[in-house]
N, C-alpha and C. Protein backbone atom coordinates (compact mmCIF):
# COMPACT_ATOMS: atom_id res chain seq x y z
N MET A 1 -37.73 9.61 -18.92
CA MET A 1 -37.41 11.02 -18.75
C MET A 1 -38.65 11.82 -18.36
N ALA A 2 -39.78 11.46 -18.93
CA ALA A 2 -41.01 12.18 -18.60
C ALA A 2 -41.38 11.98 -17.14
N ARG A 3 -41.12 10.76 -16.64
CA ARG A 3 -41.42 10.46 -15.24
C ARG A 3 -40.55 11.31 -14.32
N LEU A 4 -39.25 11.42 -14.66
CA LEU A 4 -38.35 12.23 -13.83
C LEU A 4 -38.73 13.70 -13.89
N ALA A 5 -39.12 14.16 -15.07
CA ALA A 5 -39.53 15.55 -15.21
C ALA A 5 -40.80 15.83 -14.41
N ALA A 6 -41.72 14.86 -14.43
CA ALA A 6 -42.96 15.03 -13.68
C ALA A 6 -42.68 15.09 -12.19
N ARG A 7 -41.81 14.21 -11.71
CA ARG A 7 -41.48 14.22 -10.29
C ARG A 7 -40.76 15.52 -9.93
N ALA A 8 -39.85 15.96 -10.79
CA ALA A 8 -39.12 17.19 -10.51
C ALA A 8 -40.08 18.39 -10.44
N SER A 9 -41.04 18.44 -11.36
CA SER A 9 -41.97 19.57 -11.33
C SER A 9 -42.86 19.50 -10.09
N ALA A 10 -43.28 18.29 -9.71
CA ALA A 10 -44.11 18.15 -8.51
C ALA A 10 -43.34 18.58 -7.28
N CYS A 11 -42.08 18.16 -7.21
CA CYS A 11 -41.26 18.53 -6.05
C CYS A 11 -40.97 20.02 -6.04
N GLN A 12 -40.80 20.60 -7.21
CA GLN A 12 -40.51 22.04 -7.29
C GLN A 12 -41.74 22.85 -6.87
N VAL A 13 -42.90 22.43 -7.32
CA VAL A 13 -44.14 23.16 -6.99
C VAL A 13 -44.36 23.18 -5.48
N TYR A 14 -44.08 22.04 -4.82
CA TYR A 14 -44.37 21.94 -3.40
C TYR A 14 -43.16 22.15 -2.51
N GLY A 15 -42.03 22.46 -3.11
CA GLY A 15 -40.85 22.83 -2.34
C GLY A 15 -40.26 21.72 -1.51
N ILE A 16 -40.27 20.49 -2.02
CA ILE A 16 -39.62 19.40 -1.28
C ILE A 16 -38.41 18.91 -2.06
N ARG A 17 -37.48 18.34 -1.32
CA ARG A 17 -36.25 17.83 -1.94
C ARG A 17 -36.53 16.50 -2.61
N GLN A 18 -35.88 16.31 -3.75
CA GLN A 18 -35.99 15.02 -4.43
C GLN A 18 -34.94 14.08 -3.89
N SER A 19 -35.29 12.80 -3.81
CA SER A 19 -34.28 11.81 -3.46
C SER A 19 -33.80 11.20 -4.76
N SER A 20 -32.51 11.27 -5.01
CA SER A 20 -31.99 10.72 -6.25
C SER A 20 -31.57 9.29 -6.03
N PRO A 21 -31.95 8.38 -6.92
CA PRO A 21 -31.59 6.97 -6.75
C PRO A 21 -30.07 6.75 -6.70
N ALA A 22 -29.31 7.58 -7.42
CA ALA A 22 -27.86 7.39 -7.44
C ALA A 22 -27.24 7.66 -6.07
N SER A 23 -27.77 8.65 -5.36
CA SER A 23 -27.17 8.99 -4.07
C SER A 23 -27.62 8.05 -2.96
N SER A 24 -28.73 7.36 -3.17
CA SER A 24 -29.24 6.50 -2.10
C SER A 24 -28.76 5.06 -2.22
N ARG A 25 -27.99 4.78 -3.24
CA ARG A 25 -27.48 3.41 -3.38
C ARG A 25 -26.43 3.12 -2.33
N SER A 26 -26.46 1.91 -1.85
CA SER A 26 -25.47 1.51 -0.85
C SER A 26 -24.63 0.38 -1.40
N THR A 27 -23.46 0.22 -0.84
CA THR A 27 -22.58 -0.86 -1.28
C THR A 27 -22.72 -2.00 -0.29
N VAL A 28 -23.78 -2.76 -0.43
CA VAL A 28 -24.08 -3.83 0.51
C VAL A 28 -23.03 -4.92 0.46
N ALA A 29 -22.65 -5.32 -0.76
CA ALA A 29 -21.72 -6.45 -0.89
C ALA A 29 -20.36 -6.12 -0.30
N SER A 30 -19.89 -4.89 -0.47
CA SER A 30 -18.56 -4.56 0.03
C SER A 30 -18.55 -4.32 1.53
N SER A 31 -19.71 -4.11 2.14
CA SER A 31 -19.74 -3.81 3.57
C SER A 31 -20.07 -5.03 4.42
N ARG A 32 -20.19 -6.18 3.80
CA ARG A 32 -20.57 -7.37 4.54
C ARG A 32 -19.45 -7.91 5.42
N GLY A 33 -18.22 -7.68 5.04
CA GLY A 33 -17.11 -8.19 5.82
C GLY A 33 -16.76 -9.62 5.43
N PRO A 34 -15.93 -10.26 6.22
CA PRO A 34 -15.48 -11.61 5.87
C PRO A 34 -16.60 -12.64 6.00
N LEU A 35 -16.42 -13.74 5.27
CA LEU A 35 -17.38 -14.83 5.31
C LEU A 35 -17.31 -15.52 6.67
N ARG A 36 -18.47 -15.79 7.25
CA ARG A 36 -18.49 -16.35 8.61
C ARG A 36 -19.26 -17.67 8.64
N THR A 37 -18.94 -18.48 9.64
CA THR A 37 -19.68 -19.73 9.85
C THR A 37 -20.98 -19.43 10.56
N SER A 38 -21.80 -20.45 10.78
CA SER A 38 -23.08 -20.24 11.46
C SER A 38 -22.87 -19.84 12.92
N HIS A 39 -21.70 -20.12 13.48
CA HIS A 39 -21.40 -19.73 14.87
C HIS A 39 -20.76 -18.36 14.96
N GLY A 40 -20.55 -17.70 13.83
CA GLY A 40 -20.01 -16.35 13.86
C GLY A 40 -18.49 -16.28 13.69
N ARG A 41 -17.84 -17.43 13.55
CA ARG A 41 -16.39 -17.42 13.36
C ARG A 41 -16.07 -17.15 11.90
N ILE A 42 -14.95 -16.50 11.67
CA ILE A 42 -14.52 -16.21 10.29
C ILE A 42 -14.01 -17.51 9.67
N LYS A 43 -14.49 -17.80 8.46
CA LYS A 43 -14.04 -19.01 7.76
C LYS A 43 -12.64 -18.77 7.21
N ALA A 44 -11.75 -19.64 7.56
CA ALA A 44 -10.36 -19.51 7.11
C ALA A 44 -10.18 -20.23 5.79
N GLY A 45 -9.41 -19.63 4.89
CA GLY A 45 -9.04 -20.28 3.65
C GLY A 45 -10.16 -20.41 2.64
N VAL A 46 -11.21 -19.63 2.77
CA VAL A 46 -12.32 -19.76 1.84
C VAL A 46 -12.00 -19.08 0.52
N PHE A 47 -11.42 -17.90 0.58
CA PHE A 47 -11.11 -17.16 -0.64
C PHE A 47 -9.66 -17.37 -1.04
N GLY A 48 -9.40 -17.25 -2.31
CA GLY A 48 -8.03 -17.26 -2.80
C GLY A 48 -7.58 -18.57 -3.41
N LYS A 49 -8.22 -19.68 -3.11
CA LYS A 49 -7.79 -20.97 -3.64
C LYS A 49 -8.27 -21.15 -5.08
N ASP A 50 -9.48 -20.76 -5.36
CA ASP A 50 -10.04 -20.88 -6.70
C ASP A 50 -10.41 -19.48 -7.18
N LYS A 51 -9.52 -18.89 -7.96
CA LYS A 51 -9.69 -17.49 -8.35
C LYS A 51 -10.94 -17.28 -9.20
N GLU A 52 -11.20 -18.18 -10.15
CA GLU A 52 -12.38 -18.05 -11.00
C GLU A 52 -13.67 -18.12 -10.18
N LYS A 53 -13.70 -19.04 -9.23
CA LYS A 53 -14.88 -19.18 -8.38
C LYS A 53 -15.08 -17.91 -7.55
N ASP A 54 -13.96 -17.36 -7.02
CA ASP A 54 -14.05 -16.12 -6.24
C ASP A 54 -14.61 -14.99 -7.08
N GLU A 55 -14.15 -14.89 -8.34
CA GLU A 55 -14.63 -13.82 -9.21
C GLU A 55 -16.12 -13.98 -9.51
N ARG A 56 -16.55 -15.23 -9.78
CA ARG A 56 -17.97 -15.47 -10.03
C ARG A 56 -18.80 -15.14 -8.80
N GLN A 57 -18.30 -15.54 -7.65
CA GLN A 57 -19.04 -15.29 -6.41
C GLN A 57 -19.14 -13.79 -6.15
N GLU A 58 -18.06 -13.07 -6.36
CA GLU A 58 -18.07 -11.63 -6.15
C GLU A 58 -19.01 -10.95 -7.14
N LYS A 59 -19.01 -11.43 -8.39
CA LYS A 59 -19.90 -10.87 -9.41
C LYS A 59 -21.35 -11.10 -9.02
N ASN A 60 -21.67 -12.31 -8.57
CA ASN A 60 -23.05 -12.61 -8.14
C ASN A 60 -23.45 -11.77 -6.95
N ASN A 61 -22.55 -11.60 -5.98
CA ASN A 61 -22.86 -10.81 -4.79
C ASN A 61 -23.14 -9.36 -5.15
N THR A 62 -22.28 -8.77 -5.99
CA THR A 62 -22.49 -7.35 -6.32
C THR A 62 -23.74 -7.18 -7.17
N GLY A 63 -24.07 -8.15 -8.02
CA GLY A 63 -25.29 -8.05 -8.81
C GLY A 63 -26.52 -8.05 -7.93
N THR A 64 -26.52 -8.93 -6.94
CA THR A 64 -27.64 -9.00 -6.02
C THR A 64 -27.73 -7.72 -5.20
N ALA A 65 -26.59 -7.26 -4.73
CA ALA A 65 -26.58 -6.02 -3.93
C ALA A 65 -27.05 -4.84 -4.77
N ARG A 66 -26.62 -4.80 -6.02
CA ARG A 66 -27.02 -3.69 -6.88
C ARG A 66 -28.52 -3.72 -7.10
N SER A 67 -29.08 -4.89 -7.40
CA SER A 67 -30.52 -4.93 -7.65
C SER A 67 -31.29 -4.61 -6.37
N THR A 68 -30.79 -5.04 -5.22
CA THR A 68 -31.45 -4.72 -3.96
C THR A 68 -31.42 -3.22 -3.70
N SER A 69 -30.25 -2.61 -3.92
CA SER A 69 -30.16 -1.16 -3.66
C SER A 69 -30.99 -0.37 -4.66
N GLU A 70 -31.13 -0.88 -5.88
CA GLU A 70 -31.98 -0.20 -6.85
C GLU A 70 -33.44 -0.26 -6.41
N VAL A 71 -33.86 -1.40 -5.89
CA VAL A 71 -35.24 -1.52 -5.39
C VAL A 71 -35.46 -0.56 -4.23
N VAL A 72 -34.48 -0.48 -3.33
CA VAL A 72 -34.58 0.44 -2.19
C VAL A 72 -34.67 1.88 -2.69
N ALA A 73 -33.85 2.23 -3.69
CA ALA A 73 -33.88 3.58 -4.24
C ALA A 73 -35.24 3.89 -4.86
N ILE A 74 -35.82 2.90 -5.55
CA ILE A 74 -37.13 3.10 -6.15
C ILE A 74 -38.19 3.29 -5.07
N LEU A 75 -38.10 2.50 -4.00
CA LEU A 75 -39.06 2.64 -2.91
C LEU A 75 -38.93 4.01 -2.24
N ILE A 76 -37.71 4.52 -2.12
CA ILE A 76 -37.51 5.86 -1.56
C ILE A 76 -38.14 6.91 -2.46
N SER A 77 -37.97 6.75 -3.78
CA SER A 77 -38.58 7.72 -4.69
C SER A 77 -40.11 7.62 -4.66
N ILE A 78 -40.64 6.40 -4.44
CA ILE A 78 -42.09 6.25 -4.30
C ILE A 78 -42.57 7.02 -3.07
N ALA A 79 -41.81 6.91 -1.97
CA ALA A 79 -42.18 7.64 -0.75
C ALA A 79 -42.13 9.14 -0.99
N ALA A 80 -41.12 9.62 -1.72
CA ALA A 80 -41.01 11.05 -2.01
C ALA A 80 -42.19 11.52 -2.85
N THR A 81 -42.60 10.69 -3.79
CA THR A 81 -43.76 11.04 -4.62
C THR A 81 -45.02 11.09 -3.77
N GLY A 82 -45.14 10.15 -2.84
CA GLY A 82 -46.29 10.16 -1.93
C GLY A 82 -46.34 11.43 -1.09
N VAL A 83 -45.16 11.87 -0.64
CA VAL A 83 -45.07 13.11 0.13
C VAL A 83 -45.50 14.29 -0.74
N ALA A 84 -45.10 14.28 -2.01
CA ALA A 84 -45.49 15.37 -2.92
C ALA A 84 -47.01 15.41 -3.09
N ILE A 85 -47.62 14.25 -3.21
CA ILE A 85 -49.09 14.20 -3.34
C ILE A 85 -49.75 14.72 -2.07
N SER A 86 -49.23 14.31 -0.93
CA SER A 86 -49.78 14.75 0.35
C SER A 86 -49.66 16.26 0.51
N MET A 87 -48.50 16.78 0.14
CA MET A 87 -48.29 18.23 0.25
C MET A 87 -49.21 18.97 -0.72
N ALA A 88 -49.47 18.38 -1.88
CA ALA A 88 -50.38 19.01 -2.84
C ALA A 88 -51.78 19.11 -2.25
N ASN A 89 -52.20 18.05 -1.59
CA ASN A 89 -53.53 18.08 -0.95
C ASN A 89 -53.58 19.12 0.15
N THR A 90 -52.53 19.19 0.97
CA THR A 90 -52.48 20.18 2.05
C THR A 90 -52.51 21.59 1.49
N GLU A 91 -51.73 21.81 0.43
CA GLU A 91 -51.66 23.15 -0.16
C GLU A 91 -52.99 23.54 -0.79
N SER A 92 -53.67 22.57 -1.40
CA SER A 92 -54.96 22.90 -2.02
C SER A 92 -55.99 23.28 -0.96
N ILE A 93 -55.90 22.65 0.21
CA ILE A 93 -56.81 23.01 1.32
C ILE A 93 -56.50 24.43 1.81
N LYS A 94 -55.19 24.76 1.92
CA LYS A 94 -54.81 26.10 2.35
C LYS A 94 -55.27 27.14 1.35
N ASP A 95 -55.18 26.80 0.06
CA ASP A 95 -55.56 27.75 -0.98
C ASP A 95 -57.06 27.99 -1.05
N LEU A 96 -57.85 27.11 -0.46
CA LEU A 96 -59.30 27.33 -0.47
C LEU A 96 -59.66 28.63 0.23
N LYS A 97 -58.85 29.00 1.22
CA LYS A 97 -59.11 30.24 1.95
C LYS A 97 -58.73 31.45 1.10
N GLY A 98 -57.70 31.30 0.28
CA GLY A 98 -57.20 32.43 -0.50
C GLY A 98 -57.63 32.37 -1.95
N ASP A 99 -56.66 32.58 -2.83
CA ASP A 99 -56.92 32.66 -4.26
C ASP A 99 -56.70 31.28 -4.88
N PHE A 100 -57.68 30.42 -4.78
CA PHE A 100 -57.56 29.03 -5.22
C PHE A 100 -57.61 28.89 -6.73
N SER A 101 -58.38 29.75 -7.39
CA SER A 101 -58.61 29.60 -8.83
C SER A 101 -57.32 29.74 -9.64
N LYS A 102 -56.37 30.55 -9.17
CA LYS A 102 -55.13 30.75 -9.93
C LYS A 102 -54.30 29.49 -9.99
N ARG A 103 -54.17 28.84 -8.84
CA ARG A 103 -53.24 27.72 -8.76
C ARG A 103 -53.92 26.36 -8.90
N GLN A 104 -55.21 26.34 -9.06
CA GLN A 104 -55.94 25.08 -9.12
C GLN A 104 -55.43 24.18 -10.25
N ASP A 105 -55.30 24.73 -11.45
CA ASP A 105 -54.84 23.92 -12.58
C ASP A 105 -53.41 23.43 -12.36
N GLU A 106 -52.57 24.30 -11.82
CA GLU A 106 -51.17 23.93 -11.57
C GLU A 106 -51.08 22.80 -10.54
N ILE A 107 -51.88 22.89 -9.51
CA ILE A 107 -51.88 21.85 -8.47
C ILE A 107 -52.41 20.53 -9.02
N ILE A 108 -53.47 20.59 -9.80
CA ILE A 108 -54.05 19.36 -10.36
C ILE A 108 -53.06 18.69 -11.31
N LYS A 109 -52.39 19.48 -12.14
CA LYS A 109 -51.40 18.91 -13.07
C LYS A 109 -50.24 18.28 -12.30
N ALA A 110 -49.79 18.96 -11.26
CA ALA A 110 -48.69 18.41 -10.47
C ALA A 110 -49.10 17.12 -9.77
N GLN A 111 -50.34 17.08 -9.28
CA GLN A 111 -50.84 15.85 -8.64
C GLN A 111 -50.93 14.71 -9.65
N GLU A 112 -51.45 14.98 -10.82
CA GLU A 112 -51.56 13.95 -11.85
C GLU A 112 -50.17 13.44 -12.26
N ALA A 113 -49.22 14.35 -12.40
CA ALA A 113 -47.85 13.95 -12.76
C ALA A 113 -47.22 13.11 -11.65
N ALA A 114 -47.49 13.50 -10.41
CA ALA A 114 -46.93 12.74 -9.27
C ALA A 114 -47.54 11.35 -9.19
N VAL A 115 -48.84 11.25 -9.44
CA VAL A 115 -49.50 9.94 -9.42
C VAL A 115 -48.97 9.06 -10.54
N GLN A 116 -48.78 9.63 -11.72
CA GLN A 116 -48.24 8.86 -12.85
C GLN A 116 -46.82 8.39 -12.55
N ALA A 117 -46.01 9.28 -11.95
CA ALA A 117 -44.65 8.90 -11.58
C ALA A 117 -44.67 7.79 -10.54
N LEU A 118 -45.60 7.87 -9.61
CA LEU A 118 -45.75 6.84 -8.59
C LEU A 118 -46.10 5.49 -9.22
N ARG A 119 -47.02 5.50 -10.18
CA ARG A 119 -47.38 4.26 -10.86
C ARG A 119 -46.17 3.65 -11.58
N GLU A 120 -45.39 4.50 -12.26
CA GLU A 120 -44.21 4.01 -12.97
C GLU A 120 -43.17 3.45 -11.99
N ASP A 121 -42.98 4.13 -10.85
CA ASP A 121 -42.02 3.66 -9.86
C ASP A 121 -42.44 2.32 -9.27
N ILE A 122 -43.72 2.16 -9.00
CA ILE A 122 -44.21 0.89 -8.45
C ILE A 122 -44.02 -0.23 -9.49
N LYS A 123 -44.33 0.07 -10.73
CA LYS A 123 -44.16 -0.92 -11.80
C LYS A 123 -42.69 -1.33 -11.92
N GLN A 124 -41.81 -0.35 -11.86
CA GLN A 124 -40.37 -0.62 -11.96
C GLN A 124 -39.89 -1.43 -10.75
N ALA A 125 -40.38 -1.11 -9.56
CA ALA A 125 -39.98 -1.84 -8.36
C ALA A 125 -40.43 -3.29 -8.44
N VAL A 126 -41.65 -3.52 -8.92
CA VAL A 126 -42.15 -4.88 -9.06
C VAL A 126 -41.30 -5.67 -10.06
N GLU A 127 -40.93 -5.02 -11.17
CA GLU A 127 -40.09 -5.69 -12.16
C GLU A 127 -38.73 -6.06 -11.57
N LYS A 128 -38.13 -5.15 -10.80
CA LYS A 128 -36.83 -5.43 -10.19
C LYS A 128 -36.93 -6.57 -9.18
N ILE A 129 -37.98 -6.57 -8.38
CA ILE A 129 -38.16 -7.64 -7.39
C ILE A 129 -38.37 -8.98 -8.09
N GLU A 130 -39.18 -8.99 -9.15
CA GLU A 130 -39.40 -10.23 -9.89
C GLU A 130 -38.10 -10.73 -10.52
N ALA A 131 -37.28 -9.81 -11.05
CA ALA A 131 -36.00 -10.21 -11.64
C ALA A 131 -35.07 -10.80 -10.58
N ALA A 132 -35.04 -10.17 -9.41
CA ALA A 132 -34.19 -10.67 -8.33
C ALA A 132 -34.67 -12.05 -7.87
N ASN A 133 -35.99 -12.23 -7.77
CA ASN A 133 -36.54 -13.53 -7.37
C ASN A 133 -36.22 -14.60 -8.41
N THR A 134 -36.34 -14.26 -9.69
CA THR A 134 -36.04 -15.20 -10.76
C THR A 134 -34.58 -15.62 -10.71
N LYS A 135 -33.70 -14.64 -10.48
CA LYS A 135 -32.27 -14.94 -10.40
C LYS A 135 -31.99 -15.85 -9.21
N PHE A 136 -32.60 -15.57 -8.09
CA PHE A 136 -32.39 -16.38 -6.89
C PHE A 136 -32.90 -17.80 -7.12
N ILE A 137 -34.08 -17.93 -7.70
CA ILE A 137 -34.65 -19.26 -7.94
C ILE A 137 -33.77 -20.06 -8.90
N SER A 138 -33.28 -19.41 -9.97
CA SER A 138 -32.43 -20.13 -10.91
C SER A 138 -31.12 -20.55 -10.25
N GLN A 139 -30.57 -19.72 -9.38
CA GLN A 139 -29.36 -20.09 -8.66
C GLN A 139 -29.64 -21.25 -7.71
N GLN A 140 -30.80 -21.23 -7.07
CA GLN A 140 -31.16 -22.30 -6.13
C GLN A 140 -31.35 -23.62 -6.88
N VAL A 141 -31.95 -23.58 -8.06
CA VAL A 141 -32.12 -24.79 -8.87
C VAL A 141 -30.76 -25.36 -9.26
N LEU A 142 -29.84 -24.48 -9.63
CA LEU A 142 -28.49 -24.91 -10.00
C LEU A 142 -27.79 -25.56 -8.81
N VAL A 143 -27.91 -24.96 -7.64
CA VAL A 143 -27.30 -25.53 -6.43
C VAL A 143 -27.90 -26.91 -6.13
N ASN A 144 -29.21 -27.04 -6.26
CA ASN A 144 -29.86 -28.33 -6.02
C ASN A 144 -29.38 -29.39 -6.99
N ARG A 145 -29.22 -29.04 -8.26
CA ARG A 145 -28.72 -29.99 -9.26
C ARG A 145 -27.30 -30.42 -8.93
N LEU A 146 -26.46 -29.47 -8.55
CA LEU A 146 -25.08 -29.80 -8.20
C LEU A 146 -25.03 -30.71 -6.98
N GLU A 147 -25.88 -30.44 -6.00
CA GLU A 147 -25.93 -31.30 -4.81
C GLU A 147 -26.37 -32.71 -5.17
N GLU A 148 -27.32 -32.85 -6.10
CA GLU A 148 -27.76 -34.18 -6.53
C GLU A 148 -26.64 -34.93 -7.24
N GLU A 149 -25.89 -34.21 -8.11
CA GLU A 149 -24.77 -34.84 -8.81
C GLU A 149 -23.70 -35.31 -7.83
N VAL A 150 -23.39 -34.48 -6.85
CA VAL A 150 -22.39 -34.86 -5.86
C VAL A 150 -22.86 -36.07 -5.07
N THR A 151 -24.14 -36.07 -4.70
CA THR A 151 -24.70 -37.20 -3.95
C THR A 151 -24.66 -38.48 -4.78
N ILE A 152 -24.99 -38.38 -6.05
CA ILE A 152 -24.97 -39.55 -6.94
C ILE A 152 -23.55 -40.09 -7.09
N ARG A 153 -22.58 -39.21 -7.24
CA ARG A 153 -21.18 -39.63 -7.42
C ARG A 153 -20.61 -40.25 -6.16
N ILE A 154 -21.07 -39.81 -5.03
CA ILE A 154 -20.56 -40.36 -3.76
C ILE A 154 -21.17 -41.71 -3.55
């Protein structure tokens, strides 16, 4: 909450719009369309035969899409924070000509809050990426084991 408040105050001081992670999320899994072969043809009869498998596959797809969109949302908020810092620097240069002493503390506090929010966003993005990589690697290990079992049985 402190991070969001810091970003909000930085954006308010410099008059820029905040990008909200909720509005920037996309539905990647639902927009992919039908499953296709490597030649681009739609695979016939892939879904519907094994309902449990379809549900697991859909759950895995939406989880991956959700984590991907969350990472994208975090990266967008990092960019917005960077813009806030840049605008703070520009404004401080403009204020050097005028009454800089009044707003100096306000600008410095907003810059510090924006930098702290940026650090938190980067940390959160790294954690999300690591979690997505771990999930992918564990799924790949499972697929490899299943392929070995099938090969052994054949």
